Amino acid sequence: MASARLIDRPARAFVPVRTGLSLPVPSASMDVGTRITVTSPDQMRDLGRRLAKLLRPGDLVLLTGELGAGKTTLTRGLGEGLGVRGGVTSPTFVIARVHPSLGDGPPLVHVDAYRLNGGLDEMEDLDLDVSLPDSVVAVEWGEGKVEGLAEDRLHVVIQRTVGSDMAVTDAMAADVDDVRDVVVTGVGPRWAGEDLASLAG
Protein backbone atom coordinates (compact mmCIF):
# COMPACT_ATOMS: atom_id res chain seq x y z
CA MET A 1 0.00 0.00 0.00
CA ALA A 2 1.24 3.50 -0.79
CA SER A 3 2.06 5.80 2.10
CA ALA A 4 1.33 9.51 2.13
CA ARG A 5 2.32 12.64 3.92
CA LEU A 6 0.19 15.76 3.57
CA ILE A 7 2.15 18.89 2.81
CA ASP A 8 1.13 22.50 2.61
CA ARG A 9 3.38 25.04 0.97
CA PRO A 10 3.33 28.73 0.31
CA ALA A 11 5.49 29.88 -2.60
CA ARG A 12 8.03 27.15 -3.52
CA ALA A 13 9.29 25.58 -0.25
CA PHE A 14 7.70 22.33 0.97
CA VAL A 15 6.84 22.20 4.65
CA PRO A 16 6.28 18.61 5.87
CA VAL A 17 3.23 18.12 8.06
CA ARG A 18 2.47 15.15 10.33
CA THR A 19 1.34 12.11 8.32
CA GLY A 20 -2.37 11.40 8.08
CA LEU A 21 -3.67 14.73 9.30
CA SER A 22 -5.93 17.01 7.30
CA LEU A 23 -5.08 20.66 7.12
CA PRO A 24 -7.51 23.56 7.26
CA VAL A 25 -8.47 24.78 3.80
CA PRO A 26 -5.56 27.00 2.77
CA SER A 27 -5.96 30.41 1.25
CA ALA A 28 -6.00 30.71 -2.54
CA SER A 29 -2.40 31.89 -2.47
CA MET A 30 -1.15 28.58 -1.05
CA ASP A 31 -0.43 25.32 -2.83
CA VAL A 32 -1.43 22.01 -1.24
CA GLY A 33 -0.02 18.60 -1.85
CA THR A 34 0.84 15.13 -0.70
CA ARG A 35 3.82 12.79 -0.93
CA ILE A 36 3.21 9.15 -1.82
CA THR A 37 5.60 6.19 -2.02
CA VAL A 38 4.76 3.89 -4.94
CA THR A 39 6.46 0.49 -5.04
CA SER A 40 5.44 -0.94 -8.43
CA PRO A 41 4.17 0.03 -11.89
CA ASP A 42 0.76 -1.39 -10.92
CA GLN A 43 0.62 0.96 -7.93
CA MET A 44 1.59 3.88 -10.20
CA ARG A 45 -1.30 3.00 -12.51
CA ASP A 46 -3.64 2.72 -9.52
CA LEU A 47 -2.50 6.16 -8.36
CA GLY A 48 -3.46 7.49 -11.80
CA ARG A 49 -6.93 5.94 -11.48
CA ARG A 50 -7.41 7.53 -8.03
CA LEU A 51 -6.16 10.87 -9.33
CA ALA A 52 -8.66 10.73 -12.22
CA LYS A 53 -11.51 10.81 -9.67
CA LEU A 54 -10.38 14.29 -8.61
CA LEU A 55 -10.07 15.69 -12.14
CA ARG A 56 -12.66 17.63 -14.13
CA PRO A 57 -12.78 19.39 -17.50
CA GLY A 58 -10.24 22.18 -17.71
CA ASP A 59 -7.69 20.59 -15.38
CA LEU A 60 -4.02 20.74 -16.34
CA VAL A 61 -1.70 18.04 -14.97
CA LEU A 62 2.07 18.55 -15.30
CA LEU A 63 4.14 15.36 -15.03
CA THR A 64 7.80 15.73 -14.13
CA GLY A 65 10.35 12.93 -13.77
CA GLU A 66 13.34 11.44 -15.50
CA LEU A 67 13.02 9.06 -18.42
CA GLY A 68 11.38 5.85 -17.22
CA ALA A 69 10.16 7.34 -13.94
CA GLY A 70 6.54 6.37 -14.56
CA LYS A 71 4.90 9.43 -16.14
CA THR A 72 3.22 7.47 -18.93
CA THR A 73 2.26 4.65 -16.55
CA LEU A 74 0.50 7.17 -14.29
CA THR A 75 -1.20 8.70 -17.36
CA ARG A 76 -2.43 5.22 -18.38
CA GLY A 77 -4.17 5.07 -15.02
CA LEU A 78 -5.62 8.55 -15.61
CA GLY A 79 -7.05 7.35 -18.92
CA GLU A 80 -8.56 4.25 -17.32
CA GLY A 81 -10.01 6.30 -14.47
CA LEU A 82 -11.48 8.88 -16.86
CA GLY A 83 -12.93 6.13 -19.08
CA VAL A 84 -11.35 7.27 -22.33
CA ARG A 85 -10.97 5.42 -25.64
CA GLY A 86 -7.67 3.91 -26.67
CA GLY A 87 -4.70 2.71 -24.69
CA VAL A 88 -2.51 5.52 -23.40
CA THR A 89 1.01 5.25 -24.78
CA SER A 90 3.89 7.67 -24.84
CA PRO A 91 3.09 10.50 -27.26
CA THR A 92 6.79 11.13 -27.96
CA PHE A 93 6.58 10.89 -31.74
CA VAL A 94 3.20 12.57 -32.20
CA ILE A 95 3.71 15.18 -29.41
CA ALA A 96 0.00 15.18 -28.47
CA ARG A 97 -2.68 12.51 -28.53
CA VAL A 98 -6.38 13.01 -27.80
CA HIS A 99 -8.31 10.18 -26.10
CA PRO A 100 -12.08 10.84 -26.40
CA SER A 101 -14.33 9.90 -23.52
CA LEU A 102 -16.33 6.68 -23.81
CA GLY A 103 -18.98 8.17 -21.53
CA ASP A 104 -19.98 11.61 -20.35
CA GLY A 105 -16.60 12.49 -18.81
CA PRO A 106 -13.92 14.73 -20.28
CA PRO A 107 -11.50 13.59 -22.98
CA LEU A 108 -7.83 13.20 -22.07
CA VAL A 109 -5.23 15.17 -24.04
CA HIS A 110 -1.82 13.55 -23.46
CA VAL A 111 1.17 15.70 -24.45
CA ASP A 112 4.91 15.05 -24.50
CA ALA A 113 6.62 18.45 -24.33
CA TYR A 114 10.16 17.02 -24.22
CA ARG A 115 11.08 18.16 -27.73
CA LEU A 116 9.27 21.49 -27.53
CA ASN A 117 11.78 24.24 -26.86
CA GLY A 118 9.52 27.21 -27.61
CA GLY A 119 7.55 26.84 -24.41
CA LEU A 120 4.04 28.25 -24.44
CA ASP A 121 4.26 29.49 -28.06
CA GLU A 122 4.83 25.96 -29.37
CA MET A 123 2.25 24.54 -26.98
CA GLU A 124 -0.34 26.98 -28.31
CA ASP A 125 0.39 25.73 -31.84
CA LEU A 126 -0.90 22.35 -30.60
CA ASP A 127 -4.23 24.06 -29.77
CA LEU A 128 -4.07 22.85 -26.18
CA ASP A 129 -5.56 26.11 -24.96
CA VAL A 130 -8.64 25.33 -27.07
CA SER A 131 -8.89 21.80 -25.65
CA LEU A 132 -8.21 22.78 -22.05
CA PRO A 133 -11.69 24.04 -21.05
CA ASP A 134 -13.35 20.78 -22.14
CA SER A 135 -10.57 18.27 -21.47
CA VAL A 136 -8.17 17.00 -18.88
CA VAL A 137 -4.70 17.80 -20.24
CA ALA A 138 -1.72 15.76 -18.99
CA VAL A 139 1.67 17.11 -20.08
CA GLU A 140 4.85 15.08 -19.66
CA TRP A 141 8.04 17.18 -19.48
CA GLY A 142 5.86 20.32 -19.23
CA GLU A 143 7.51 22.01 -16.25
CA GLY A 144 8.69 25.48 -17.23
CA LYS A 145 6.81 25.28 -20.54
CA VAL A 146 3.04 25.15 -20.02
CA GLU A 147 2.27 26.71 -16.66
CA GLY A 148 0.84 29.73 -18.50
CA LEU A 149 -1.99 27.61 -19.94
CA ALA A 150 -3.86 27.65 -16.62
CA GLU A 151 -3.65 29.50 -13.32
CA ASP A 152 -4.70 26.29 -11.58
CA ARG A 153 -2.81 23.08 -12.22
CA LEU A 154 -1.75 19.84 -10.64
CA HIS A 155 2.00 19.19 -10.61
CA VAL A 156 3.09 15.57 -10.23
CA VAL A 157 6.81 15.01 -9.61
CA ILE A 158 8.01 11.39 -9.78
CA GLN A 159 11.47 10.50 -8.49
CA ARG A 160 13.26 7.19 -8.28
CA THR A 161 14.25 6.37 -4.71
CA VAL A 162 17.35 4.41 -5.70
CA GLY A 163 20.33 6.55 -4.77
CA SER A 164 18.17 8.95 -2.76
CA ASP A 165 18.22 9.42 0.98
CA MET A 166 14.76 7.84 1.36
CA ALA A 167 14.62 4.88 3.74
CA VAL A 168 13.68 1.71 1.88
CA THR A 169 11.72 -0.79 3.99
CA ASP A 170 12.20 -4.57 3.84
CA ALA A 171 8.92 -4.86 1.94
CA MET A 172 10.30 -2.53 -0.75
CA ALA A 173 13.76 -4.09 -0.93
CA ALA A 174 12.87 -6.89 -3.37
CA ASP A 175 11.88 -4.46 -6.14
CA VAL A 176 13.77 -1.34 -5.08
CA ASP A 177 14.22 -0.30 -8.73
CA ASP A 178 10.45 0.18 -8.98
CA VAL A 179 10.09 2.36 -5.87
CA ARG A 180 9.11 5.95 -6.62
CA ASP A 181 8.55 9.00 -4.47
CA VAL A 182 5.57 10.90 -5.95
CA VAL A 183 4.77 14.45 -4.89
CA VAL A 184 1.39 15.74 -6.05
CA THR A 185 0.92 19.50 -5.63
CA GLY A 186 -2.22 21.44 -6.42
CA VAL A 187 -1.42 24.98 -7.54
CA GLY A 188 -4.08 27.69 -7.36
CA PRO A 189 -7.53 28.11 -5.86
CA ARG A 190 -9.03 25.16 -7.78
CA TRP A 191 -7.05 22.75 -5.58
CA ALA A 192 -7.40 24.55 -2.24
CA GLY A 193 -10.35 22.44 -1.09
CA GLU A 194 -9.26 19.08 -2.54
CA ASP A 195 -8.13 16.27 -0.26
CA LEU A 196 -4.98 15.20 -2.07
CA ALA A 197 -4.06 12.96 0.87
CA SER A 198 -6.88 10.65 -0.33
CA LEU A 199 -4.60 9.68 -3.21
CA ALA A 200 -2.60 7.45 -0.87
CA GLY A 201 -5.38 4.90 -1.17
C-alpha atoms as a PDB file:
ATOM      1  CA  MET A   1       0.000   0.000   0.000  1.00  0.00           C
ATOM      2  CA  ALA A   2       1.241   3.503  -0.793  1.00  0.00           C
ATOM      3  CA  SER A   3       2.060   5.799   2.098  1.00  0.00           C
ATOM      4  CA  ALA A   4       1.331   9.514   2.128  1.00  0.00           C
ATOM      5  CA  ARG A   5       2.324  12.639   3.924  1.00  0.00           C
ATOM      6  CA  LEU A   6       0.195  15.755   3.567  1.00  0.00           C
ATOM      7  CA  ILE A   7       2.154  18.894   2.814  1.00  0.00           C
ATOM      8  CA  ASP A   8       1.134  22.502   2.612  1.00  0.00           C
ATOM      9  CA  ARG A   9       3.382  25.041   0.971  1.00  0.00           C
ATOM     10  CA  PRO A  10       3.332  28.734   0.310  1.00  0.00           C
ATOM     11  CA  ALA A  11       5.493  29.876  -2.600  1.00  0.00           C
ATOM     12  CA  ARG A  12       8.028  27.149  -3.522  1.00  0.00           C
ATOM     13  CA  ALA A  13       9.288  25.580  -0.254  1.00  0.00           C
ATOM     14  CA  PHE A  14       7.700  22.331   0.973  1.00  0.00           C
ATOM     15  CA  VAL A  15       6.836  22.197   4.651  1.00  0.00           C
ATOM     16  CA  PRO A  16       6.275  18.611   5.875  1.00  0.00           C
ATOM     17  CA  VAL A  17       3.231  18.116   8.060  1.00  0.00           C
ATOM     18  CA  ARG A  18       2.474  15.151  10.325  1.00  0.00           C
ATOM     19  CA  THR A  19       1.345  12.115   8.320  1.00  0.00           C
ATOM     20  CA  GLY A  20      -2.365  11.405   8.080  1.00  0.00           C
ATOM     21  CA  LEU A  21      -3.672  14.732   9.300  1.00  0.00           C
ATOM     22  CA  SER A  22      -5.934  17.012   7.304  1.00  0.00           C
ATOM     23  CA  LEU A  23      -5.083  20.664   7.122  1.00  0.00           C
ATOM     24  CA  PRO A  24      -7.510  23.556   7.255  1.00  0.00           C
ATOM     25  CA  VAL A  25      -8.467  24.776   3.801  1.00  0.00           C
ATOM     26  CA  PRO A  26      -5.559  26.998   2.771  1.00  0.00           C
ATOM     27  CA  SER A  27      -5.964  30.413   1.248  1.00  0.00           C
ATOM     28  CA  ALA A  28      -5.999  30.705  -2.542  1.00  0.00           C
ATOM     29  CA  SER A  29      -2.398  31.891  -2.475  1.00  0.00           C
ATOM     30  CA  MET A  30      -1.148  28.581  -1.050  1.00  0.00           C
ATOM     31  CA  ASP A  31      -0.432  25.323  -2.828  1.00  0.00           C
ATOM     32  CA  VAL A  32      -1.432  22.012  -1.244  1.00  0.00           C
ATOM     33  CA  GLY A  33      -0.019  18.599  -1.851  1.00  0.00           C
ATOM     34  CA  THR A  34       0.838  15.134  -0.703  1.00  0.00           C
ATOM     35  CA  ARG A  35       3.815  12.794  -0.932  1.00  0.00           C
ATOM     36  CA  ILE A  36       3.209   9.148  -1.816  1.00  0.00           C
ATOM     37  CA  THR A  37       5.598   6.194  -2.024  1.00  0.00           C
ATOM     38  CA  VAL A  38       4.761   3.889  -4.941  1.00  0.00           C
ATOM     39  CA  THR A  39       6.459   0.491  -5.038  1.00  0.00           C
ATOM     40  CA  SER A  40       5.440  -0.940  -8.431  1.00  0.00           C
ATOM     41  CA  PRO A  41       4.168   0.029 -11.893  1.00  0.00           C
ATOM     42  CA  ASP A  42       0.760  -1.395 -10.915  1.00  0.00           C
ATOM     43  CA  GLN A  43       0.617   0.963  -7.928  1.00  0.00           C
ATOM     44  CA  MET A  44       1.587   3.877 -10.201  1.00  0.00           C
ATOM     45  CA  ARG A  45      -1.296   2.996 -12.514  1.00  0.00           C
ATOM     46  CA  ASP A  46      -3.643   2.722  -9.519  1.00  0.00           C
ATOM     47  CA  LEU A  47      -2.499   6.156  -8.364  1.00  0.00           C
ATOM     48  CA  GLY A  48      -3.463   7.491 -11.802  1.00  0.00           C
ATOM     49  CA  ARG A  49      -6.931   5.941 -11.481  1.00  0.00           C
ATOM     50  CA  ARG A  50      -7.413   7.527  -8.031  1.00  0.00           C
ATOM     51  CA  LEU A  51      -6.160  10.873  -9.330  1.00  0.00           C
ATOM     52  CA  ALA A  52      -8.657  10.729 -12.220  1.00  0.00           C
ATOM     53  CA  LYS A  53     -11.509  10.806  -9.674  1.00  0.00           C
ATOM     54  CA  LEU A  54     -10.379  14.295  -8.610  1.00  0.00           C
ATOM     55  CA  LEU A  55     -10.074  15.691 -12.139  1.00  0.00           C
ATOM     56  CA  ARG A  56     -12.657  17.635 -14.129  1.00  0.00           C
ATOM     57  CA  PRO A  57     -12.783  19.385 -17.503  1.00  0.00           C
ATOM     58  CA  GLY A  58     -10.244  22.184 -17.715  1.00  0.00           C
ATOM     59  CA  ASP A  59      -7.695  20.594 -15.381  1.00  0.00           C
ATOM     60  CA  LEU A  60      -4.025  20.737 -16.342  1.00  0.00           C
ATOM     61  CA  VAL A  61      -1.705  18.039 -14.972  1.00  0.00           C
ATOM     62  CA  LEU A  62       2.066  18.546 -15.301  1.00  0.00           C
ATOM     63  CA  LEU A  63       4.135  15.361 -15.033  1.00  0.00           C
ATOM     64  CA  THR A  64       7.802  15.725 -14.126  1.00  0.00           C
ATOM     65  CA  GLY A  65      10.346  12.930 -13.774  1.00  0.00           C
ATOM     66  CA  GLU A  66      13.339  11.439 -15.499  1.00  0.00           C
ATOM     67  CA  LEU A  67      13.020   9.062 -18.423  1.00  0.00           C
ATOM     68  CA  GLY A  68      11.378   5.850 -17.224  1.00  0.00           C
ATOM     69  CA  ALA A  69      10.162   7.342 -13.936  1.00  0.00           C
ATOM     70  CA  GLY A  70       6.538   6.365 -14.560  1.00  0.00           C
ATOM     71  CA  LYS A  71       4.903   9.431 -16.139  1.00  0.00           C
ATOM     72  CA  THR A  72       3.221   7.472 -18.932  1.00  0.00           C
ATOM     73  CA  THR A  73       2.260   4.650 -16.552  1.00  0.00           C
ATOM     74  CA  LEU A  74       0.504   7.166 -14.294  1.00  0.00           C
ATOM     75  CA  THR A  75      -1.199   8.698 -17.355  1.00  0.00           C
ATOM     76  CA  ARG A  76      -2.432   5.219 -18.380  1.00  0.00           C
ATOM     77  CA  GLY A  77      -4.168   5.068 -15.019  1.00  0.00           C
ATOM     78  CA  LEU A  78      -5.617   8.550 -15.610  1.00  0.00           C
ATOM     79  CA  GLY A  79      -7.050   7.346 -18.923  1.00  0.00           C
ATOM     80  CA  GLU A  80      -8.556   4.247 -17.315  1.00  0.00           C
ATOM     81  CA  GLY A  81     -10.010   6.300 -14.471  1.00  0.00           C
ATOM     82  CA  LEU A  82     -11.476   8.881 -16.860  1.00  0.00           C
ATOM     83  CA  GLY A  83     -12.926   6.133 -19.075  1.00  0.00           C
ATOM     84  CA  VAL A  84     -11.352   7.274 -22.330  1.00  0.00           C
ATOM     85  CA  ARG A  85     -10.968   5.423 -25.636  1.00  0.00           C
ATOM     86  CA  GLY A  86      -7.673   3.907 -26.667  1.00  0.00           C
ATOM     87  CA  GLY A  87      -4.704   2.714 -24.694  1.00  0.00           C
ATOM     88  CA  VAL A  88      -2.515   5.517 -23.404  1.00  0.00           C
ATOM     89  CA  THR A  89       1.010   5.246 -24.777  1.00  0.00           C
ATOM     90  CA  SER A  90       3.887   7.672 -24.836  1.00  0.00           C
ATOM     91  CA  PRO A  91       3.089  10.500 -27.264  1.00  0.00           C
ATOM     92  CA  THR A  92       6.790  11.129 -27.960  1.00  0.00           C
ATOM     93  CA  PHE A  93       6.579  10.886 -31.741  1.00  0.00           C
ATOM     94  CA  VAL A  94       3.199  12.575 -32.198  1.00  0.00           C
ATOM     95  CA  ILE A  95       3.707  15.175 -29.405  1.00  0.00           C
ATOM     96  CA  ALA A  96       0.000  15.177 -28.468  1.00  0.00           C
ATOM     97  CA  ARG A  97      -2.676  12.511 -28.529  1.00  0.00           C
ATOM     98  CA  VAL A  98      -6.384  13.007 -27.796  1.00  0.00           C
ATOM     99  CA  HIS A  99      -8.315  10.185 -26.100  1.00  0.00           C
ATOM    100  CA  PRO A 100     -12.079  10.841 -26.404  1.00  0.00           C
ATOM    101  CA  SER A 101     -14.330   9.897 -23.521  1.00  0.00           C
ATOM    102  CA  LEU A 102     -16.329   6.683 -23.814  1.00  0.00           C
ATOM    103  CA  GLY A 103     -18.981   8.174 -21.526  1.00  0.00           C
ATOM    104  CA  ASP A 104     -19.979  11.612 -20.351  1.00  0.00           C
ATOM    105  CA  GLY A 105     -16.604  12.494 -18.805  1.00  0.00           C
ATOM    106  CA  PRO A 106     -13.925  14.732 -20.285  1.00  0.00           C
ATOM    107  CA  PRO A 107     -11.502  13.591 -22.977  1.00  0.00           C
ATOM    108  CA  LEU A 108      -7.833  13.199 -22.073  1.00  0.00           C
ATOM    109  CA  VAL A 109      -5.230  15.171 -24.040  1.00  0.00           C
ATOM    110  CA  HIS A 110      -1.817  13.554 -23.456  1.00  0.00           C
ATOM    111  CA  VAL A 111       1.166  15.698 -24.449  1.00  0.00           C
ATOM    112  CA  ASP A 112       4.914  15.050 -24.502  1.00  0.00           C
ATOM    113  CA  ALA A 113       6.619  18.447 -24.330  1.00  0.00           C
ATOM    114  CA  TYR A 114      10.157  17.018 -24.225  1.00  0.00           C
ATOM    115  CA  ARG A 115      11.081  18.160 -27.734  1.00  0.00           C
ATOM    116  CA  LEU A 116       9.274  21.494 -27.530  1.00  0.00           C
ATOM    117  CA  ASN A 117      11.776  24.239 -26.863  1.00  0.00           C
ATOM    118  CA  GLY A 118       9.521  27.205 -27.613  1.00  0.00           C
ATOM    119  CA  GLY A 119       7.549  26.837 -24.410  1.00  0.00           C
ATOM    120  CA  LEU A 120       4.041  28.253 -24.440  1.00  0.00           C
ATOM    121  CA  ASP A 121       4.260  29.488 -28.057  1.00  0.00           C
ATOM    122  CA  GLU A 122       4.834  25.963 -29.372  1.00  0.00           C
ATOM    123  CA  MET A 123       2.250  24.540 -26.982  1.00  0.00           C
ATOM    124  CA  GLU A 124      -0.344  26.982 -28.312  1.00  0.00           C
ATOM    125  CA  ASP A 125       0.391  25.726 -31.844  1.00  0.00           C
ATOM    126  CA  LEU A 126      -0.898  22.348 -30.603  1.00  0.00           C
ATOM    127  CA  ASP A 127      -4.232  24.059 -29.773  1.00  0.00           C
ATOM    128  CA  LEU A 128      -4.071  22.850 -26.177  1.00  0.00           C
ATOM    129  CA  ASP A 129      -5.559  26.106 -24.958  1.00  0.00           C
ATOM    130  CA  VAL A 130      -8.642  25.330 -27.075  1.00  0.00           C
ATOM    131  CA  SER A 131      -8.893  21.797 -25.654  1.00  0.00           C
ATOM    132  CA  LEU A 132      -8.214  22.775 -22.048  1.00  0.00           C
ATOM    133  CA  PRO A 133     -11.694  24.037 -21.046  1.00  0.00           C
ATOM    134  CA  ASP A 134     -13.349  20.775 -22.135  1.00  0.00           C
ATOM    135  CA  SER A 135     -10.566  18.272 -21.471  1.00  0.00           C
ATOM    136  CA  VAL A 136      -8.166  16.998 -18.885  1.00  0.00           C
ATOM    137  CA  VAL A 137      -4.703  17.796 -20.240  1.00  0.00           C
ATOM    138  CA  ALA A 138      -1.723  15.759 -18.989  1.00  0.00           C
ATOM    139  CA  VAL A 139       1.669  17.108 -20.084  1.00  0.00           C
ATOM    140  CA  GLU A 140       4.853  15.082 -19.661  1.00  0.00           C
ATOM    141  CA  TRP A 141       8.037  17.183 -19.478  1.00  0.00           C
ATOM    142  CA  GLY A 142       5.862  20.324 -19.230  1.00  0.00           C
ATOM    143  CA  GLU A 143       7.511  22.007 -16.253  1.00  0.00           C
ATOM    144  CA  GLY A 144       8.694  25.481 -17.231  1.00  0.00           C
ATOM    145  CA  LYS A 145       6.812  25.281 -20.537  1.00  0.00           C
ATOM    146  CA  VAL A 146       3.043  25.147 -20.025  1.00  0.00           C
ATOM    147  CA  GLU A 147       2.267  26.713 -16.658  1.00  0.00           C
ATOM    148  CA  GLY A 148       0.838  29.730 -18.503  1.00  0.00           C
ATOM    149  CA  LEU A 149      -1.988  27.609 -19.939  1.00  0.00           C
ATOM    150  CA  ALA A 150      -3.855  27.654 -16.624  1.00  0.00           C
ATOM    151  CA  GLU A 151      -3.650  29.505 -13.320  1.00  0.00           C
ATOM    152  CA  ASP A 152      -4.698  26.286 -11.582  1.00  0.00           C
ATOM    153  CA  ARG A 153      -2.815  23.079 -12.215  1.00  0.00           C
ATOM    154  CA  LEU A 154      -1.745  19.837 -10.635  1.00  0.00           C
ATOM    155  CA  HIS A 155       1.997  19.190 -10.613  1.00  0.00           C
ATOM    156  CA  VAL A 156       3.090  15.567 -10.228  1.00  0.00           C
ATOM    157  CA  VAL A 157       6.810  15.005  -9.607  1.00  0.00           C
ATOM    158  CA  ILE A 158       8.009  11.392  -9.785  1.00  0.00           C
ATOM    159  CA  GLN A 159      11.473  10.497  -8.488  1.00  0.00           C
ATOM    160  CA  ARG A 160      13.263   7.191  -8.277  1.00  0.00           C
ATOM    161  CA  THR A 161      14.246   6.373  -4.710  1.00  0.00           C
ATOM    162  CA  VAL A 162      17.354   4.406  -5.701  1.00  0.00           C
ATOM    163  CA  GLY A 163      20.328   6.551  -4.773  1.00  0.00           C
ATOM    164  CA  SER A 164      18.167   8.947  -2.758  1.00  0.00           C
ATOM    165  CA  ASP A 165      18.222   9.422   0.984  1.00  0.00           C
ATOM    166  CA  MET A 166      14.759   7.841   1.357  1.00  0.00           C
ATOM    167  CA  ALA A 167      14.616   4.880   3.738  1.00  0.00           C
ATOM    168  CA  VAL A 168      13.685   1.712   1.883  1.00  0.00           C
ATOM    169  CA  THR A 169      11.719  -0.787   3.993  1.00  0.00           C
ATOM    170  CA  ASP A 170      12.203  -4.567   3.838  1.00  0.00           C
ATOM    171  CA  ALA A 171       8.919  -4.860   1.940  1.00  0.00           C
ATOM    172  CA  MET A 172      10.298  -2.532  -0.752  1.00  0.00           C
ATOM    173  CA  ALA A 173      13.761  -4.086  -0.933  1.00  0.00           C
ATOM    174  CA  ALA A 174      12.874  -6.892  -3.374  1.00  0.00           C
ATOM    175  CA  ASP A 175      11.883  -4.465  -6.137  1.00  0.00           C
ATOM    176  CA  VAL A 176      13.768  -1.345  -5.076  1.00  0.00           C
ATOM    177  CA  ASP A 177      14.222  -0.295  -8.728  1.00  0.00           C
ATOM    178  CA  ASP A 178      10.445   0.179  -8.985  1.00  0.00           C
ATOM    179  CA  VAL A 179      10.094   2.358  -5.867  1.00  0.00           C
ATOM    180  CA  ARG A 180       9.106   5.947  -6.620  1.00  0.00           C
ATOM    181  CA  ASP A 181       8.548   8.999  -4.473  1.00  0.00           C
ATOM    182  CA  VAL A 182       5.575  10.899  -5.954  1.00  0.00           C
ATOM    183  CA  VAL A 183       4.774  14.450  -4.885  1.00  0.00           C
ATOM    184  CA  VAL A 184       1.385  15.744  -6.050  1.00  0.00           C
ATOM    185  CA  THR A 185       0.917  19.499  -5.635  1.00  0.00           C
ATOM    186  CA  GLY A 186      -2.223  21.439  -6.417  1.00  0.00           C
ATOM    187  CA  VAL A 187      -1.425  24.982  -7.536  1.00  0.00           C
ATOM    188  CA  GLY A 188      -4.079  27.690  -7.365  1.00  0.00           C
ATOM    189  CA  PRO A 189      -7.532  28.113  -5.859  1.00  0.00           C
ATOM    190  CA  ARG A 190      -9.032  25.161  -7.782  1.00  0.00           C
ATOM    191  CA  TRP A 191      -7.050  22.746  -5.579  1.00  0.00           C
ATOM    192  CA  ALA A 192      -7.398  24.553  -2.244  1.00  0.00           C
ATOM    193  CA  GLY A 193     -10.347  22.435  -1.091  1.00  0.00           C
ATOM    194  CA  GLU A 194      -9.262  19.079  -2.536  1.00  0.00           C
ATOM    195  CA  ASP A 195      -8.131  16.270  -0.258  1.00  0.00           C
ATOM    196  CA  LEU A 196      -4.982  15.203  -2.073  1.00  0.00           C
ATOM    197  CA  ALA A 197      -4.064  12.960   0.869  1.00  0.00           C
ATOM    198  CA  SER A 198      -6.878  10.653  -0.329  1.00  0.00           C
ATOM    199  CA  LEU A 199      -4.599   9.675  -3.215  1.00  0.00           C
ATOM    200  CA  ALA A 200      -2.598   7.449  -0.865  1.00  0.00           C
ATOM    201  CA  GLY A 201      -5.383   4.901  -1.172  1.00  0.00           C
END
